[in-house]
Amino acid sequence: MRREKTLTERRAYSVNEVAAALGVSAGFVRLEIGRKNLPIVRAGRRVLILKDALENYLRRGAEAGR
């Protein structure tokens, strides 16, 4: 039986994966990348968002909302 990896088991995600997980558009994720709010890593032409970077981004957003 093939087991799918969940968001918590992966170390990096695509823009589309992050957008789907957060319930926002890929365009919004790209906007946040362009604003330097969400750091990326490039793997060739692929744009990847590391799990740690995503967690930090979400933590900063939660703290700003307090």
N, C-alpha and C. Protein backbone atom coordinates (compact mmCIF):
# COMPACT_ATOMS: atom_id res chain seq x y z
N MET A 1 0.83 -1.18 0.00
CA MET A 1 0.00 0.00 0.00
C MET A 1 0.88 1.25 0.00
N ARG A 2 0.63 2.15 -0.92
CA ARG A 2 1.42 3.38 -1.03
C ARG A 2 0.90 4.41 -0.04
N ARG A 3 1.80 4.99 0.70
CA ARG A 3 1.41 5.99 1.69
C ARG A 3 1.77 7.38 1.19
N GLU A 4 0.79 8.26 1.13
CA GLU A 4 1.02 9.64 0.68
C GLU A 4 1.68 10.43 1.80
N LYS A 5 2.60 11.30 1.42
CA LYS A 5 3.22 12.17 2.40
C LYS A 5 2.28 13.34 2.70
N THR A 6 2.19 13.67 3.96
CA THR A 6 1.36 14.81 4.35
C THR A 6 2.23 16.04 4.45
N LEU A 7 1.60 17.18 4.63
CA LEU A 7 2.33 18.44 4.73
C LEU A 7 3.33 18.42 5.87
N THR A 8 3.03 17.71 6.95
CA THR A 8 3.92 17.71 8.11
C THR A 8 5.15 16.84 7.90
N GLU A 9 5.14 15.93 6.93
CA GLU A 9 6.28 15.03 6.72
C GLU A 9 7.27 15.57 5.69
N ARG A 10 6.91 16.56 4.94
CA ARG A 10 7.77 17.08 3.89
C ARG A 10 8.66 18.20 4.39
N ARG A 11 9.77 18.40 3.73
CA ARG A 11 10.70 19.47 4.12
C ARG A 11 10.55 20.71 3.26
N ALA A 12 9.95 20.57 2.07
CA ALA A 12 9.76 21.71 1.18
C ALA A 12 8.50 21.52 0.36
N TYR A 13 7.88 22.64 -0.02
CA TYR A 13 6.61 22.61 -0.75
C TYR A 13 6.65 23.57 -1.92
N SER A 14 5.85 23.26 -2.92
CA SER A 14 5.72 24.16 -4.07
C SER A 14 4.79 25.31 -3.71
N VAL A 15 4.79 26.34 -4.54
CA VAL A 15 3.90 27.48 -4.35
C VAL A 15 2.45 26.99 -4.33
N ASN A 16 2.09 26.12 -5.26
CA ASN A 16 0.71 25.63 -5.33
C ASN A 16 0.33 24.81 -4.10
N GLU A 17 1.25 24.03 -3.57
CA GLU A 17 0.97 23.23 -2.38
C GLU A 17 0.74 24.13 -1.17
N VAL A 18 1.57 25.16 -1.03
CA VAL A 18 1.41 26.09 0.09
C VAL A 18 0.08 26.83 -0.04
N ALA A 19 -0.24 27.28 -1.24
CA ALA A 19 -1.50 27.99 -1.46
C ALA A 19 -2.69 27.11 -1.09
N ALA A 20 -2.68 25.86 -1.52
CA ALA A 20 -3.78 24.95 -1.21
C ALA A 20 -3.89 24.70 0.29
N ALA A 21 -2.76 24.52 0.94
CA ALA A 21 -2.77 24.24 2.37
C ALA A 21 -3.28 25.42 3.19
N LEU A 22 -2.98 26.64 2.72
CA LEU A 22 -3.39 27.84 3.45
C LEU A 22 -4.75 28.36 3.02
N GLY A 23 -5.26 27.84 1.92
CA GLY A 23 -6.56 28.31 1.42
C GLY A 23 -6.49 29.67 0.77
N VAL A 24 -5.36 29.97 0.15
CA VAL A 24 -5.18 31.24 -0.56
C VAL A 24 -4.78 30.92 -2.00
N SER A 25 -4.69 31.93 -2.83
CA SER A 25 -4.29 31.71 -4.22
C SER A 25 -2.77 31.59 -4.34
N ALA A 26 -2.35 30.96 -5.40
CA ALA A 26 -0.91 30.87 -5.69
C ALA A 26 -0.36 32.27 -5.93
N GLY A 27 -1.18 33.14 -6.51
CA GLY A 27 -0.75 34.53 -6.73
C GLY A 27 -0.43 35.24 -5.43
N PHE A 28 -1.24 34.99 -4.39
CA PHE A 28 -0.97 35.60 -3.09
C PHE A 28 0.35 35.09 -2.52
N VAL A 29 0.59 33.79 -2.65
CA VAL A 29 1.85 33.23 -2.15
C VAL A 29 3.02 33.87 -2.90
N ARG A 30 2.91 34.00 -4.22
CA ARG A 30 3.97 34.65 -5.00
C ARG A 30 4.15 36.11 -4.59
N LEU A 31 3.05 36.80 -4.27
CA LEU A 31 3.12 38.18 -3.80
C LEU A 31 3.91 38.26 -2.50
N GLU A 32 3.63 37.35 -1.58
CA GLU A 32 4.36 37.32 -0.31
C GLU A 32 5.84 36.99 -0.53
N ILE A 33 6.13 36.15 -1.50
CA ILE A 33 7.53 35.85 -1.85
C ILE A 33 8.18 37.11 -2.39
N GLY A 34 7.51 37.81 -3.29
CA GLY A 34 8.04 39.05 -3.86
C GLY A 34 8.25 40.15 -2.83
N ARG A 35 7.41 40.18 -1.82
CA ARG A 35 7.54 41.16 -0.73
C ARG A 35 8.62 40.77 0.27
N LYS A 36 9.25 39.62 0.05
CA LYS A 36 10.29 39.07 0.92
C LYS A 36 9.74 38.66 2.28
N ASN A 37 8.45 38.40 2.35
CA ASN A 37 7.85 37.92 3.59
C ASN A 37 7.96 36.41 3.73
N LEU A 38 8.14 35.73 2.61
CA LEU A 38 8.21 34.27 2.59
C LEU A 38 9.43 33.86 1.78
N PRO A 39 10.50 33.44 2.45
CA PRO A 39 11.72 33.07 1.73
C PRO A 39 11.56 31.78 0.93
N ILE A 40 12.31 31.70 -0.14
CA ILE A 40 12.25 30.54 -1.03
C ILE A 40 13.62 29.94 -1.25
N VAL A 41 13.62 28.76 -1.81
CA VAL A 41 14.83 28.09 -2.28
C VAL A 41 14.54 27.69 -3.72
N ARG A 42 15.48 27.89 -4.59
CA ARG A 42 15.30 27.47 -5.98
C ARG A 42 16.01 26.14 -6.21
N ALA A 43 15.32 25.25 -6.89
CA ALA A 43 15.89 23.98 -7.32
C ALA A 43 15.72 23.95 -8.82
N GLY A 44 16.73 24.43 -9.51
CA GLY A 44 16.58 24.62 -10.95
C GLY A 44 15.57 25.72 -11.18
N ARG A 45 14.53 25.41 -11.94
CA ARG A 45 13.47 26.39 -12.19
C ARG A 45 12.37 26.34 -11.14
N ARG A 46 12.39 25.32 -10.31
CA ARG A 46 11.35 25.17 -9.29
C ARG A 46 11.56 26.14 -8.14
N VAL A 47 10.48 26.67 -7.65
CA VAL A 47 10.50 27.53 -6.47
C VAL A 47 9.93 26.71 -5.32
N LEU A 48 10.72 26.54 -4.29
CA LEU A 48 10.31 25.73 -3.14
C LEU A 48 10.30 26.58 -1.87
N ILE A 49 9.37 26.28 -1.01
CA ILE A 49 9.27 26.95 0.29
C ILE A 49 9.57 25.90 1.34
N LEU A 50 10.61 26.13 2.10
CA LEU A 50 11.00 25.17 3.13
C LEU A 50 9.98 25.17 4.27
N LYS A 51 9.81 24.02 4.87
CA LYS A 51 8.86 23.85 5.97
C LYS A 51 9.14 24.84 7.08
N ASP A 52 10.40 25.00 7.47
CA ASP A 52 10.76 25.93 8.54
C ASP A 52 10.40 27.36 8.17
N ALA A 53 10.63 27.75 6.92
CA ALA A 53 10.29 29.10 6.47
C ALA A 53 8.79 29.33 6.53
N LEU A 54 8.01 28.33 6.14
CA LEU A 54 6.56 28.44 6.18
C LEU A 54 6.07 28.54 7.63
N GLU A 55 6.62 27.73 8.51
CA GLU A 55 6.23 27.78 9.91
C GLU A 55 6.55 29.14 10.53
N ASN A 56 7.73 29.69 10.20
CA ASN A 56 8.11 31.02 10.71
C ASN A 56 7.17 32.10 10.17
N TYR A 57 6.82 32.01 8.91
CA TYR A 57 5.90 32.96 8.29
C TYR A 57 4.55 32.93 9.01
N LEU A 58 4.03 31.74 9.25
CA LEU A 58 2.75 31.61 9.93
C LEU A 58 2.84 32.10 11.39
N ARG A 59 3.94 31.83 12.04
CA ARG A 59 4.13 32.27 13.43
C ARG A 59 4.15 33.80 13.49
N ARG A 60 4.88 34.43 12.56
CA ARG A 60 4.94 35.90 12.53
C ARG A 60 3.55 36.49 12.30
N GLY A 61 2.78 35.85 11.42
CA GLY A 61 1.43 36.33 11.15
C GLY A 61 0.53 36.20 12.35
N ALA A 62 0.67 35.11 13.09
CA ALA A 62 -0.13 34.89 14.28
C ALA A 62 0.23 35.90 15.36
N GLU A 63 1.53 36.18 15.50
CA GLU A 63 1.98 37.14 16.51
C GLU A 63 1.54 38.55 16.16
N ALA A 64 1.52 38.88 14.88
CA ALA A 64 1.11 40.22 14.45
C ALA A 64 -0.39 40.43 14.68
N GLY A 65 -1.15 39.36 14.69
CA GLY A 65 -2.59 39.45 14.88
C GLY A 65 -3.01 39.56 16.33
N ARG A 66 -2.09 39.46 17.24
CA ARG A 66 -2.43 39.52 18.68
C ARG A 66 -2.70 40.92 19.12
